[in-house]
Amino acid sequence: MKIENTKAQMRKGVLEFCILSVLKDNDAYVAEILGTLKDAKLLVVEGTIYPLLTRLKNAGLLNYRWEESTSGPPRKYYGLTETGKLFLKELDTTWNELRNAVNIVTNHTEIHSAQEKHKEDE
């Protein structure tokens, strides 16, 4: 089993949540969304993001508008719909619960390992 495959799957599992989060406060076009995700080390490419944006739009979570650009062709700006805002709020709650659960399990494992080591040292 390759670690890179597992890491990629973990990233993909949270990508929709991250895209919605990027759009929480402001509309953005694809290059801005990609830049934010890349800055966060989510390593997303254009071929990955377009299908996700389309799926989120088709689900009624995103809308878009075209805006003229002074430096090239018009840009498609994505934003959250009201349904998208509610969906994001629910995902945020779920993420916090999941993060807490994972922290408990992984910290418990570390604590358990330290306790076992301490017993061995006695």
PDB file of N, CA and C in Angstrom:
ATOM      1  N   MET A   1       0.852  -1.179   0.000  1.00  0.00           N
ATOM      2  CA  MET A   1       0.000   0.000   0.000  1.00  0.00           C
ATOM      3  C   MET A   1       0.895   1.239   0.000  1.00  0.00           C
ATOM      4  N   LYS A   2       0.591   2.168  -0.880  1.00  0.00           N
ATOM      5  CA  LYS A   2       1.412   3.375  -0.979  1.00  0.00           C
ATOM      6  C   LYS A   2       0.810   4.490  -0.143  1.00  0.00           C
ATOM      7  N   ILE A   3       1.645   5.133   0.638  1.00  0.00           N
ATOM      8  CA  ILE A   3       1.203   6.215   1.520  1.00  0.00           C
ATOM      9  C   ILE A   3       0.636   7.387   0.721  1.00  0.00           C
ATOM     10  N   GLU A   4       1.197   7.662  -0.450  1.00  0.00           N
ATOM     11  CA  GLU A   4       0.714   8.792  -1.258  1.00  0.00           C
ATOM     12  C   GLU A   4      -0.745   8.604  -1.663  1.00  0.00           C
ATOM     13  N   ASN A   5      -1.153   7.370  -1.954  1.00  0.00           N
ATOM     14  CA  ASN A   5      -2.553   7.102  -2.310  1.00  0.00           C
ATOM     15  C   ASN A   5      -3.479   7.410  -1.135  1.00  0.00           C
ATOM     16  N   THR A   6      -3.088   7.000   0.042  1.00  0.00           N
ATOM     17  CA  THR A   6      -3.896   7.253   1.238  1.00  0.00           C
ATOM     18  C   THR A   6      -3.976   8.739   1.526  1.00  0.00           C
ATOM     19  N   LYS A   7      -2.846   9.428   1.401  1.00  0.00           N
ATOM     20  CA  LYS A   7      -2.842  10.875   1.640  1.00  0.00           C
ATOM     21  C   LYS A   7      -3.738  11.588   0.627  1.00  0.00           C
ATOM     22  N   ALA A   8      -3.703  11.168  -0.628  1.00  0.00           N
ATOM     23  CA  ALA A   8      -4.548  11.786  -1.661  1.00  0.00           C
ATOM     24  C   ALA A   8      -6.023  11.556  -1.357  1.00  0.00           C
ATOM     25  N   GLN A   9      -6.361  10.351  -0.908  1.00  0.00           N
ATOM     26  CA  GLN A   9      -7.755  10.053  -0.570  1.00  0.00           C
ATOM     27  C   GLN A   9      -8.238  10.892   0.610  1.00  0.00           C
ATOM     28  N   MET A  10      -7.367  11.111   1.576  1.00  0.00           N
ATOM     29  CA  MET A  10      -7.722  11.947   2.725  1.00  0.00           C
ATOM     30  C   MET A  10      -8.014  13.378   2.265  1.00  0.00           C
ATOM     31  N   ARG A  11      -7.169  13.893   1.358  1.00  0.00           N
ATOM     32  CA  ARG A  11      -7.377  15.249   0.834  1.00  0.00           C
ATOM     33  C   ARG A  11      -8.690  15.335   0.065  1.00  0.00           C
ATOM     34  N   LYS A  12      -8.943  14.354  -0.795  1.00  0.00           N
ATOM     35  CA  LYS A  12     -10.168  14.358  -1.592  1.00  0.00           C
ATOM     36  C   LYS A  12     -11.403  14.328  -0.704  1.00  0.00           C
ATOM     37  N   GLY A  13     -11.300  13.659   0.422  1.00  0.00           N
ATOM     38  CA  GLY A  13     -12.431  13.544   1.329  1.00  0.00           C
ATOM     39  C   GLY A  13     -12.879  14.865   1.924  1.00  0.00           C
ATOM     40  N   VAL A  14     -11.990  15.837   1.976  1.00  0.00           N
ATOM     41  CA  VAL A  14     -12.345  17.132   2.572  1.00  0.00           C
ATOM     42  C   VAL A  14     -12.373  18.267   1.557  1.00  0.00           C
ATOM     43  N   LEU A  15     -12.147  17.950   0.301  1.00  0.00           N
ATOM     44  CA  LEU A  15     -12.018  18.990  -0.712  1.00  0.00           C
ATOM     45  C   LEU A  15     -13.295  19.805  -0.911  1.00  0.00           C
ATOM     46  N   GLU A  16     -14.439  19.155  -0.973  1.00  0.00           N
ATOM     47  CA  GLU A  16     -15.697  19.894  -1.143  1.00  0.00           C
ATOM     48  C   GLU A  16     -15.922  20.848   0.027  1.00  0.00           C
ATOM     49  N   PHE A  17     -15.668  20.370   1.219  1.00  0.00           N
ATOM     50  CA  PHE A  17     -15.793  21.210   2.417  1.00  0.00           C
ATOM     51  C   PHE A  17     -14.859  22.410   2.308  1.00  0.00           C
ATOM     52  N   CYS A  18     -13.632  22.183   1.857  1.00  0.00           N
ATOM     53  CA  CYS A  18     -12.661  23.270   1.740  1.00  0.00           C
ATOM     54  C   CYS A  18     -13.069  24.275   0.671  1.00  0.00           C
ATOM     55  N   ILE A  19     -13.584  23.811  -0.451  1.00  0.00           N
ATOM     56  CA  ILE A  19     -14.034  24.724  -1.503  1.00  0.00           C
ATOM     57  C   ILE A  19     -15.170  25.597  -0.985  1.00  0.00           C
ATOM     58  N   LEU A  20     -16.136  24.997  -0.333  1.00  0.00           N
ATOM     59  CA  LEU A  20     -17.241  25.782   0.230  1.00  0.00           C
ATOM     60  C   LEU A  20     -16.718  26.778   1.256  1.00  0.00           C
ATOM     61  N   SER A  21     -15.741  26.371   2.042  1.00  0.00           N
ATOM     62  CA  SER A  21     -15.170  27.258   3.056  1.00  0.00           C
ATOM     63  C   SER A  21     -14.450  28.443   2.424  1.00  0.00           C
ATOM     64  N   VAL A  22     -13.746  28.204   1.318  1.00  0.00           N
ATOM     65  CA  VAL A  22     -13.061  29.289   0.616  1.00  0.00           C
ATOM     66  C   VAL A  22     -14.071  30.341   0.166  1.00  0.00           C
ATOM     67  N   LEU A  23     -15.275  29.897  -0.209  1.00  0.00           N
ATOM     68  CA  LEU A  23     -16.300  30.798  -0.739  1.00  0.00           C
ATOM     69  C   LEU A  23     -17.226  31.349   0.341  1.00  0.00           C
ATOM     70  N   LYS A  24     -16.923  31.053   1.589  1.00  0.00           N
ATOM     71  CA  LYS A  24     -17.797  31.441   2.703  1.00  0.00           C
ATOM     72  C   LYS A  24     -18.048  32.940   2.766  1.00  0.00           C
ATOM     73  N   ASP A  25     -17.018  33.738   2.610  1.00  0.00           N
ATOM     74  CA  ASP A  25     -17.149  35.183   2.784  1.00  0.00           C
ATOM     75  C   ASP A  25     -17.187  35.968   1.479  1.00  0.00           C
ATOM     76  N   ASN A  26     -16.572  35.416   0.420  1.00  0.00           N
ATOM     77  CA  ASN A  26     -16.494  36.143  -0.843  1.00  0.00           C
ATOM     78  C   ASN A  26     -16.605  35.206  -2.031  1.00  0.00           C
ATOM     79  N   ASP A  27     -17.184  35.706  -3.112  1.00  0.00           N
ATOM     80  CA  ASP A  27     -17.164  34.973  -4.367  1.00  0.00           C
ATOM     81  C   ASP A  27     -15.724  34.934  -4.871  1.00  0.00           C
ATOM     82  N   ALA A  28     -15.404  33.919  -5.654  1.00  0.00           N
ATOM     83  CA  ALA A  28     -14.050  33.801  -6.184  1.00  0.00           C
ATOM     84  C   ALA A  28     -14.090  33.064  -7.514  1.00  0.00           C
ATOM     85  N   TYR A  29     -13.094  33.319  -8.349  1.00  0.00           N
ATOM     86  CA  TYR A  29     -12.987  32.563  -9.596  1.00  0.00           C
ATOM     87  C   TYR A  29     -11.992  31.427  -9.385  1.00  0.00           C
ATOM     88  N   VAL A  30     -11.946  30.523 -10.342  1.00  0.00           N
ATOM     89  CA  VAL A  30     -11.222  29.265 -10.160  1.00  0.00           C
ATOM     90  C   VAL A  30      -9.759  29.478  -9.765  1.00  0.00           C
ATOM     91  N   ALA A  31      -9.075  30.409 -10.403  1.00  0.00           N
ATOM     92  CA  ALA A  31      -7.661  30.617 -10.073  1.00  0.00           C
ATOM     93  C   ALA A  31      -7.489  31.034  -8.612  1.00  0.00           C
ATOM     94  N   GLU A  32      -8.403  31.832  -8.084  1.00  0.00           N
ATOM     95  CA  GLU A  32      -8.324  32.241  -6.674  1.00  0.00           C
ATOM     96  C   GLU A  32      -8.593  31.048  -5.756  1.00  0.00           C
ATOM     97  N   ILE A  33      -9.583  30.238  -6.112  1.00  0.00           N
ATOM     98  CA  ILE A  33      -9.899  29.047  -5.306  1.00  0.00           C
ATOM     99  C   ILE A  33      -8.695  28.102  -5.300  1.00  0.00           C
ATOM    100  N   LEU A  34      -8.152  27.850  -6.497  1.00  0.00           N
ATOM    101  CA  LEU A  34      -6.987  26.970  -6.601  1.00  0.00           C
ATOM    102  C   LEU A  34      -5.806  27.509  -5.802  1.00  0.00           C
ATOM    103  N   GLY A  35      -5.571  28.803  -5.880  1.00  0.00           N
ATOM    104  CA  GLY A  35      -4.467  29.401  -5.140  1.00  0.00           C
ATOM    105  C   GLY A  35      -4.603  29.205  -3.643  1.00  0.00           C
ATOM    106  N   THR A  36      -5.806  29.410  -3.136  1.00  0.00           N
ATOM    107  CA  THR A  36      -6.045  29.227  -1.700  1.00  0.00           C
ATOM    108  C   THR A  36      -5.815  27.773  -1.292  1.00  0.00           C
ATOM    109  N   LEU A  37      -6.329  26.851  -2.100  1.00  0.00           N
ATOM    110  CA  LEU A  37      -6.166  25.429  -1.789  1.00  0.00           C
ATOM    111  C   LEU A  37      -4.700  25.001  -1.894  1.00  0.00           C
ATOM    112  N   LYS A  38      -3.999  25.491  -2.897  1.00  0.00           N
ATOM    113  CA  LYS A  38      -2.579  25.150  -3.048  1.00  0.00           C
ATOM    114  C   LYS A  38      -1.758  25.733  -1.914  1.00  0.00           C
ATOM    115  N   ASP A  39      -2.079  26.964  -1.501  1.00  0.00           N
ATOM    116  CA  ASP A  39      -1.369  27.569  -0.367  1.00  0.00           C
ATOM    117  C   ASP A  39      -1.532  26.724   0.895  1.00  0.00           C
ATOM    118  N   ALA A  40      -2.671  26.038   0.992  1.00  0.00           N
ATOM    119  CA  ALA A  40      -2.943  25.178   2.146  1.00  0.00           C
ATOM    120  C   ALA A  40      -2.386  23.767   1.950  1.00  0.00           C
ATOM    121  N   LYS A  41      -1.645  23.563   0.873  1.00  0.00           N
ATOM    122  CA  LYS A  41      -1.015  22.270   0.570  1.00  0.00           C
ATOM    123  C   LYS A  41      -2.024  21.177   0.219  1.00  0.00           C
ATOM    124  N   LEU A  42      -3.160  21.571  -0.368  1.00  0.00           N
ATOM    125  CA  LEU A  42      -4.143  20.575  -0.779  1.00  0.00           C
ATOM    126  C   LEU A  42      -3.878  20.052  -2.191  1.00  0.00           C
ATOM    127  N   LEU A  43      -2.903  20.611  -2.875  1.00  0.00           N
ATOM    128  CA  LEU A  43      -2.419  20.094  -4.156  1.00  0.00           C
ATOM    129  C   LEU A  43      -3.529  19.759  -5.145  1.00  0.00           C
ATOM    130  N   VAL A  44      -4.335  20.727  -5.458  1.00  0.00           N
ATOM    131  CA  VAL A  44      -5.456  20.544  -6.370  1.00  0.00           C
ATOM    132  C   VAL A  44      -5.056  21.056  -7.749  1.00  0.00           C
ATOM    133  N   VAL A  45      -5.495  20.355  -8.787  1.00  0.00           N
ATOM    134  CA  VAL A  45      -5.251  20.791 -10.155  1.00  0.00           C
ATOM    135  C   VAL A  45      -6.579  21.168 -10.801  1.00  0.00           C
ATOM    136  N   GLU A  46      -6.513  21.926 -11.888  1.00  0.00           N
ATOM    137  CA  GLU A  46      -7.731  22.382 -12.545  1.00  0.00           C
ATOM    138  C   GLU A  46      -8.635  21.221 -12.954  1.00  0.00           C
ATOM    139  N   GLY A  47      -8.042  20.134 -13.396  1.00  0.00           N
ATOM    140  CA  GLY A  47      -8.838  18.982 -13.812  1.00  0.00           C
ATOM    141  C   GLY A  47      -9.643  18.362 -12.687  1.00  0.00           C
ATOM    142  N   THR A  48      -9.240  18.611 -11.458  1.00  0.00           N
ATOM    143  CA  THR A  48      -9.966  18.109 -10.288  1.00  0.00           C
ATOM    144  C   THR A  48     -11.051  19.079  -9.847  1.00  0.00           C
ATOM    145  N   ILE A  49     -10.763  20.372  -9.924  1.00  0.00           N
ATOM    146  CA  ILE A  49     -11.672  21.342  -9.328  1.00  0.00           C
ATOM    147  C   ILE A  49     -12.924  21.583 -10.181  1.00  0.00           C
ATOM    148  N   TYR A  50     -12.796  21.569 -11.496  1.00  0.00           N
ATOM    149  CA  TYR A  50     -13.969  21.854 -12.332  1.00  0.00           C
ATOM    150  C   TYR A  50     -15.110  20.858 -12.129  1.00  0.00           C
ATOM    151  N   PRO A  51     -14.844  19.559 -12.110  1.00  0.00           N
ATOM    152  CA  PRO A  51     -15.950  18.626 -11.833  1.00  0.00           C
ATOM    153  C   PRO A  51     -16.570  18.832 -10.447  1.00  0.00           C
ATOM    154  N   LEU A  52     -15.732  19.164  -9.461  1.00  0.00           N
ATOM    155  CA  LEU A  52     -16.255  19.423  -8.115  1.00  0.00           C
ATOM    156  C   LEU A  52     -17.149  20.657  -8.100  1.00  0.00           C
ATOM    157  N   LEU A  53     -16.713  21.724  -8.749  1.00  0.00           N
ATOM    158  CA  LEU A  53     -17.530  22.941  -8.804  1.00  0.00           C
ATOM    159  C   LEU A  53     -18.855  22.679  -9.515  1.00  0.00           C
ATOM    160  N   THR A  54     -18.808  21.911 -10.597  1.00  0.00           N
ATOM    161  CA  THR A  54     -20.036  21.573 -11.321  1.00  0.00           C
ATOM    162  C   THR A  54     -20.973  20.756 -10.445  1.00  0.00           C
ATOM    163  N   ARG A  55     -20.423  19.785  -9.732  1.00  0.00           N
ATOM    164  CA  ARG A  55     -21.251  18.960  -8.840  1.00  0.00           C
ATOM    165  C   ARG A  55     -21.876  19.802  -7.731  1.00  0.00           C
ATOM    166  N   LEU A  56     -21.100  20.708  -7.150  1.00  0.00           N
ATOM    167  CA  LEU A  56     -21.628  21.576  -6.090  1.00  0.00           C
ATOM    168  C   LEU A  56     -22.692  22.536  -6.642  1.00  0.00           C
ATOM    169  N   LYS A  57     -22.490  23.022  -7.850  1.00  0.00           N
ATOM    170  CA  LYS A  57     -23.479  23.897  -8.488  1.00  0.00           C
ATOM    171  C   LYS A  57     -24.763  23.120  -8.784  1.00  0.00           C
ATOM    172  N   ASN A  58     -24.614  21.928  -9.345  1.00  0.00           N
ATOM    173  CA  ASN A  58     -25.788  21.102  -9.662  1.00  0.00           C
ATOM    174  C   ASN A  58     -26.561  20.685  -8.422  1.00  0.00           C
ATOM    175  N   ALA A  59     -25.875  20.614  -7.303  1.00  0.00           N
ATOM    176  CA  ALA A  59     -26.520  20.267  -6.028  1.00  0.00           C
ATOM    177  C   ALA A  59     -27.204  21.486  -5.401  1.00  0.00           C
ATOM    178  N   GLY A  60     -27.066  22.647  -6.031  1.00  0.00           N
ATOM    179  CA  GLY A  60     -27.704  23.855  -5.517  1.00  0.00           C
ATOM    180  C   GLY A  60     -26.915  24.554  -4.413  1.00  0.00           C
ATOM    181  N   LEU A  61     -25.648  24.170  -4.243  1.00  0.00           N
ATOM    182  CA  LEU A  61     -24.828  24.754  -3.179  1.00  0.00           C
ATOM    183  C   LEU A  61     -24.053  25.981  -3.648  1.00  0.00           C
ATOM    184  N   LEU A  62     -23.794  26.053  -4.951  1.00  0.00           N
ATOM    185  CA  LEU A  62     -23.056  27.166  -5.538  1.00  0.00           C
ATOM    186  C   LEU A  62     -23.859  27.788  -6.679  1.00  0.00           C
ATOM    187  N   ASN A  63     -23.602  29.064  -6.916  1.00  0.00           N
ATOM    188  CA  ASN A  63     -24.053  29.706  -8.133  1.00  0.00           C
ATOM    189  C   ASN A  63     -22.833  30.381  -8.744  1.00  0.00           C
ATOM    190  N   TYR A  64     -22.996  30.932  -9.925  1.00  0.00           N
ATOM    191  CA  TYR A  64     -21.866  31.641 -10.529  1.00  0.00           C
ATOM    192  C   TYR A  64     -22.371  32.811 -11.349  1.00  0.00           C
ATOM    193  N   ARG A  65     -21.456  33.708 -11.600  1.00  0.00           N
ATOM    194  CA  ARG A  65     -21.742  34.860 -12.443  1.00  0.00           C
ATOM    195  C   ARG A  65     -20.493  35.138 -13.259  1.00  0.00           C
ATOM    196  N   TRP A  66     -20.689  35.706 -14.445  1.00  0.00           N
ATOM    197  CA  TRP A  66     -19.563  36.090 -15.284  1.00  0.00           C
ATOM    198  C   TRP A  66     -19.217  37.538 -15.023  1.00  0.00           C
ATOM    199  N   GLU A  67     -17.931  37.829 -14.970  1.00  0.00           N
ATOM    200  CA  GLU A  67     -17.478  39.203 -14.769  1.00  0.00           C
ATOM    201  C   GLU A  67     -16.344  39.496 -15.740  1.00  0.00           C
ATOM    202  N   GLU A  68     -16.429  40.645 -16.391  1.00  0.00           N
ATOM    203  CA  GLU A  68     -15.381  41.049 -17.324  1.00  0.00           C
ATOM    204  C   GLU A  68     -14.056  41.204 -16.584  1.00  0.00           C
ATOM    205  N   SER A  69     -12.978  40.890 -17.284  1.00  0.00           N
ATOM    206  CA  SER A  69     -11.639  41.008 -16.719  1.00  0.00           C
ATOM    207  C   SER A  69     -10.835  42.004 -17.554  1.00  0.00           C
ATOM    208  N   THR A  70     -10.044  42.803 -16.890  1.00  0.00           N
ATOM    209  CA  THR A  70      -9.190  43.750 -17.614  1.00  0.00           C
ATOM    210  C   THR A  70      -7.948  43.061 -18.169  1.00  0.00           C
ATOM    211  N   SER A  71      -7.691  41.847 -17.728  1.00  0.00           N
ATOM    212  CA  SER A  71      -6.472  41.150 -18.152  1.00  0.00           C
ATOM    213  C   SER A  71      -6.762  39.843 -18.892  1.00  0.00           C
ATOM    214  N   GLY A  72      -7.844  39.805 -19.655  1.00  0.00           N
ATOM    215  CA  GLY A  72      -8.131  38.593 -20.404  1.00  0.00           C
ATOM    216  C   GLY A  72      -9.618  38.372 -20.564  1.00  0.00           C
ATOM    217  N   PRO A  73      -9.994  37.123 -20.787  1.00  0.00           N
ATOM    218  CA  PRO A  73     -11.413  36.810 -21.002  1.00  0.00           C
ATOM    219  C   PRO A  73     -12.230  36.989 -19.723  1.00  0.00           C
ATOM    220  N   PRO A  74     -13.558  37.012 -19.851  1.00  0.00           N
ATOM    221  CA  PRO A  74     -14.409  37.121 -18.653  1.00  0.00           C
ATOM    222  C   PRO A  74     -14.120  35.969 -17.689  1.00  0.00           C
ATOM    223  N   ARG A  75     -14.340  36.238 -16.407  1.00  0.00           N
ATOM    224  CA  ARG A  75     -14.100  35.233 -15.367  1.00  0.00           C
ATOM    225  C   ARG A  75     -15.418  34.781 -14.769  1.00  0.00           C
ATOM    226  N   LYS A  76     -15.472  33.505 -14.461  1.00  0.00           N
ATOM    227  CA  LYS A  76     -16.644  32.929 -13.811  1.00  0.00           C
ATOM    228  C   LYS A  76     -16.394  32.946 -12.303  1.00  0.00           C
ATOM    229  N   TYR A  77     -17.173  33.744 -11.594  1.00  0.00           N
ATOM    230  CA  TYR A  77     -17.058  33.845 -10.141  1.00  0.00           C
ATOM    231  C   TYR A  77     -18.090  32.929  -9.485  1.00  0.00           C
ATOM    232  N   TYR A  78     -17.631  32.097  -8.568  1.00  0.00           N
ATOM    233  CA  TYR A  78     -18.502  31.184  -7.832  1.00  0.00           C
ATOM    234  C   TYR A  78     -18.810  31.760  -6.458  1.00  0.00           C
ATOM    235  N   GLY A  79     -20.012  31.497  -5.986  1.00  0.00           N
ATOM    236  CA  GLY A  79     -20.405  31.920  -4.650  1.00  0.00           C
ATOM    237  C   GLY A  79     -21.367  30.918  -4.047  1.00  0.00           C
ATOM    238  N   LEU A  80     -21.544  30.996  -2.748  1.00  0.00           N
ATOM    239  CA  LEU A  80     -22.467  30.099  -2.051  1.00  0.00           C
ATOM    240  C   LEU A  80     -23.903  30.578  -2.207  1.00  0.00           C
ATOM    241  N   THR A  81     -24.798  29.627  -2.406  1.00  0.00           N
ATOM    242  CA  THR A  81     -26.221  29.923  -2.346  1.00  0.00           C
ATOM    243  C   THR A  81     -26.636  29.881  -0.879  1.00  0.00           C
ATOM    244  N   GLU A  82     -27.863  30.235  -0.599  1.00  0.00           N
ATOM    245  CA  GLU A  82     -28.348  30.123   0.788  1.00  0.00           C
ATOM    246  C   GLU A  82     -28.292  28.670   1.241  1.00  0.00           C
ATOM    247  N   THR A  83     -28.662  27.760   0.345  1.00  0.00           N
ATOM    248  CA  THR A  83     -28.576  26.328   0.664  1.00  0.00           C
ATOM    249  C   THR A  83     -27.127  25.938   0.928  1.00  0.00           C
ATOM    250  N   GLY A  84     -26.210  26.487   0.136  1.00  0.00           N
ATOM    251  CA  GLY A  84     -24.790  26.212   0.319  1.00  0.00           C
ATOM    252  C   GLY A  84     -24.284  26.697   1.662  1.00  0.00           C
ATOM    253  N   LYS A  85     -24.775  27.856   2.101  1.00  0.00           N
ATOM    254  CA  LYS A  85     -24.367  28.390   3.410  1.00  0.00           C
ATOM    255  C   LYS A  85     -24.835  27.481   4.538  1.00  0.00           C
ATOM    256  N   LEU A  86     -26.060  26.987   4.441  1.00  0.00           N
ATOM    257  CA  LEU A  86     -26.576  26.065   5.458  1.00  0.00           C
ATOM    258  C   LEU A  86     -25.816  24.743   5.428  1.00  0.00           C
ATOM    259  N   PHE A  87     -25.538  24.264   4.218  1.00  0.00           N
ATOM    260  CA  PHE A  87     -24.795  23.022   4.043  1.00  0.00           C
ATOM    261  C   PHE A  87     -23.401  23.154   4.659  1.00  0.00           C
ATOM    262  N   LEU A  88     -22.741  24.284   4.395  1.00  0.00           N
ATOM    263  CA  LEU A  88     -21.405  24.528   4.950  1.00  0.00           C
ATOM    264  C   LEU A  88     -21.450  24.572   6.470  1.00  0.00           C
ATOM    265  N   LYS A  89     -22.460  25.189   7.007  1.00  0.00           N
ATOM    266  CA  LYS A  89     -22.584  25.262   8.468  1.00  0.00           C
ATOM    267  C   LYS A  89     -22.683  23.848   9.066  1.00  0.00           C
ATOM    268  N   GLU A  90     -23.454  22.993   8.420  1.00  0.00           N
ATOM    269  CA  GLU A  90     -23.589  21.605   8.878  1.00  0.00           C
ATOM    270  C   GLU A  90     -22.267  20.850   8.730  1.00  0.00           C
ATOM    271  N   LEU A  91     -21.591  21.049   7.598  1.00  0.00           N
ATOM    272  CA  LEU A  91     -20.292  20.403   7.398  1.00  0.00           C
ATOM    273  C   LEU A  91     -19.268  20.883   8.422  1.00  0.00           C
ATOM    274  N   ASP A  92     -19.330  22.159   8.759  1.00  0.00           N
ATOM    275  CA  ASP A  92     -18.405  22.707   9.746  1.00  0.00           C
ATOM    276  C   ASP A  92     -18.603  22.024  11.100  1.00  0.00           C
ATOM    277  N   THR A  93     -19.846  21.839  11.483  1.00  0.00           N
ATOM    278  CA  THR A  93     -20.144  21.131  12.735  1.00  0.00           C
ATOM    279  C   THR A  93     -19.632  19.694  12.672  1.00  0.00           C
ATOM    280  N   THR A  94     -19.909  19.033  11.548  1.00  0.00           N
ATOM    281  CA  THR A  94     -19.468  17.647  11.378  1.00  0.00           C
ATOM    282  C   THR A  94     -17.947  17.554  11.390  1.00  0.00           C
ATOM    283  N   TRP A  95     -17.280  18.508  10.727  1.00  0.00           N
ATOM    284  CA  TRP A  95     -15.813  18.518  10.707  1.00  0.00           C
ATOM    285  C   TRP A  95     -15.256  18.656  12.117  1.00  0.00           C
ATOM    286  N   ASN A  96     -15.817  19.556  12.899  1.00  0.00           N
ATOM    287  CA  ASN A  96     -15.332  19.748  14.266  1.00  0.00           C
ATOM    288  C   ASN A  96     -15.515  18.482  15.095  1.00  0.00           C
ATOM    289  N   GLU A  97     -16.656  17.816  14.927  1.00  0.00           N
ATOM    290  CA  GLU A  97     -16.895  16.563  15.650  1.00  0.00           C
ATOM    291  C   GLU A  97     -15.900  15.493  15.214  1.00  0.00           C
ATOM    292  N   LEU A  98     -15.689  15.393  13.903  1.00  0.00           N
ATOM    293  CA  LEU A  98     -14.763  14.395  13.367  1.00  0.00           C
ATOM    294  C   LEU A  98     -13.334  14.682  13.809  1.00  0.00           C
ATOM    295  N   ARG A  99     -12.933  15.944  13.724  1.00  0.00           N
ATOM    296  CA  ARG A  99     -11.582  16.326  14.151  1.00  0.00           C
ATOM    297  C   ARG A  99     -11.373  15.991  15.625  1.00  0.00           C
ATOM    298  N   ASN A 100     -12.361  16.298  16.461  1.00  0.00           N
ATOM    299  CA  ASN A 100     -12.249  15.980  17.887  1.00  0.00           C
ATOM    300  C   ASN A 100     -12.153  14.480  18.111  1.00  0.00           C
ATOM    301  N   ALA A 101     -12.961  13.724  17.381  1.00  0.00           N
ATOM    302  CA  ALA A 101     -12.937  12.263  17.531  1.00  0.00           C
ATOM    303  C   ALA A 101     -11.580  11.691  17.121  1.00  0.00           C
ATOM    304  N   VAL A 102     -11.049  12.168  15.999  1.00  0.00           N
ATOM    305  CA  VAL A 102      -9.747  11.687  15.531  1.00  0.00           C
ATOM    306  C   VAL A 102      -8.652  12.081  16.521  1.00  0.00           C
ATOM    307  N   ASN A 103      -8.729  13.303  17.049  1.00  0.00           N
ATOM    308  CA  ASN A 103      -7.742  13.722  18.045  1.00  0.00           C
ATOM    309  C   ASN A 103      -7.793  12.849  19.280  1.00  0.00           C
ATOM    310  N   ILE A 104      -8.983  12.496  19.714  1.00  0.00           N
ATOM    311  CA  ILE A 104      -9.115  11.623  20.887  1.00  0.00           C
ATOM    312  C   ILE A 104      -8.476  10.272  20.605  1.00  0.00           C
ATOM    313  N   VAL A 105      -8.782   9.710  19.448  1.00  0.00           N
ATOM    314  CA  VAL A 105      -8.247   8.388  19.112  1.00  0.00           C
ATOM    315  C   VAL A 105      -6.737   8.440  18.942  1.00  0.00           C
ATOM    316  N   THR A 106      -6.248   9.408  18.195  1.00  0.00           N
ATOM    317  CA  THR A 106      -4.806   9.443  17.954  1.00  0.00           C
ATOM    318  C   THR A 106      -4.046   9.838  19.204  1.00  0.00           C
ATOM    319  N   ASN A 107      -4.560  10.743  19.983  1.00  0.00           N
ATOM    320  CA  ASN A 107      -3.896  11.091  21.242  1.00  0.00           C
ATOM    321  C   ASN A 107      -3.971   9.934  22.225  1.00  0.00           C
ATOM    322  N   HIS A 108      -5.092   9.214  22.232  1.00  0.00           N
ATOM    323  CA  HIS A 108      -5.234   8.047  23.101  1.00  0.00           C
ATOM    324  C   HIS A 108      -4.178   7.008  22.735  1.00  0.00           C
ATOM    325  N   THR A 109      -3.963   6.813  21.444  1.00  0.00           N
ATOM    326  CA  THR A 109      -2.962   5.851  20.994  1.00  0.00           C
ATOM    327  C   THR A 109      -1.586   6.251  21.500  1.00  0.00           C
ATOM    328  N   GLU A 110      -1.271   7.557  21.398  1.00  0.00           N
ATOM    329  CA  GLU A 110       0.027   8.029  21.879  1.00  0.00           C
ATOM    330  C   GLU A 110       0.140   7.858  23.389  1.00  0.00           C
ATOM    331  N   ILE A 111      -0.930   8.173  24.096  1.00  0.00           N
ATOM    332  CA  ILE A 111      -0.936   8.026  25.555  1.00  0.00           C
ATOM    333  C   ILE A 111      -0.795   6.555  25.922  1.00  0.00           C
ATOM    334  N   HIS A 112      -1.549   5.694  25.202  1.00  0.00           N
ATOM    335  CA  HIS A 112      -1.497   4.264  25.456  1.00  0.00           C
ATOM    336  C   HIS A 112      -0.075   3.739  25.226  1.00  0.00           C
ATOM    337  N   SER A 113       0.564   4.156  24.143  1.00  0.00           N
ATOM    338  CA  SER A 113       1.936   3.725  23.844  1.00  0.00           C
ATOM    339  C   SER A 113       2.893   4.185  24.932  1.00  0.00           C
ATOM    340  N   ALA A 114       2.725   5.409  25.392  1.00  0.00           N
ATOM    341  CA  ALA A 114       3.591   5.932  26.449  1.00  0.00           C
ATOM    342  C   ALA A 114       3.379   5.139  27.743  1.00  0.00           C
ATOM    343  N   GLN A 115       2.131   4.772  28.043  1.00  0.00           N
ATOM    344  CA  GLN A 115       1.849   3.993  29.252  1.00  0.00           C
ATOM    345  C   GLN A 115       2.488   2.609  29.150  1.00  0.00           C
ATOM    346  N   GLU A 116       2.394   1.996  27.958  1.00  0.00           N
ATOM    347  CA  GLU A 116       3.002   0.674  27.773  1.00  0.00           C
ATOM    348  C   GLU A 116       4.517   0.756  27.933  1.00  0.00           C
ATOM    349  N   LYS A 117       5.113   1.791  27.369  1.00  0.00           N
ATOM    350  CA  LYS A 117       6.556   1.964  27.492  1.00  0.00           C
ATOM    351  C   LYS A 117       6.957   2.157  28.943  1.00  0.00           C
ATOM    352  N   HIS A 118       6.160   2.949  29.677  1.00  0.00           N
ATOM    353  CA  HIS A 118       6.432   3.213  31.093  1.00  0.00           C
ATOM    354  C   HIS A 118       6.374   1.881  31.869  1.00  0.00           C
ATOM    355  N   LYS A 119       5.385   1.026  31.564  1.00  0.00           N
ATOM    356  CA  LYS A 119       5.273  -0.265  32.253  1.00  0.00           C
ATOM    357  C   LYS A 119       6.495  -1.135  31.980  1.00  0.00           C
ATOM    358  N   GLU A 120       6.978  -1.094  30.704  1.00  0.00           N
ATOM    359  CA  GLU A 120       8.152  -1.882  30.339  1.00  0.00           C
ATOM    360  C   GLU A 120       9.405  -1.420  31.083  1.00  0.00           C
ATOM    361  N   ASP A 121       9.463  -0.128  31.368  1.00  0.00           N
ATOM    362  CA  ASP A 121      10.635   0.442  32.036  1.00  0.00           C
ATOM    363  C   ASP A 121      10.654   0.120  33.539  1.00  0.00           C
ATOM    364  N   GLU A 122       9.510  -0.255  34.081  1.00  0.00           N
ATOM    365  CA  GLU A 122       9.453  -0.507  35.534  1.00  0.00           C
ATOM    366  C   GLU A 122      10.077  -1.825  35.916  1.00  0.00           C
TER     367      GLU A 122
END
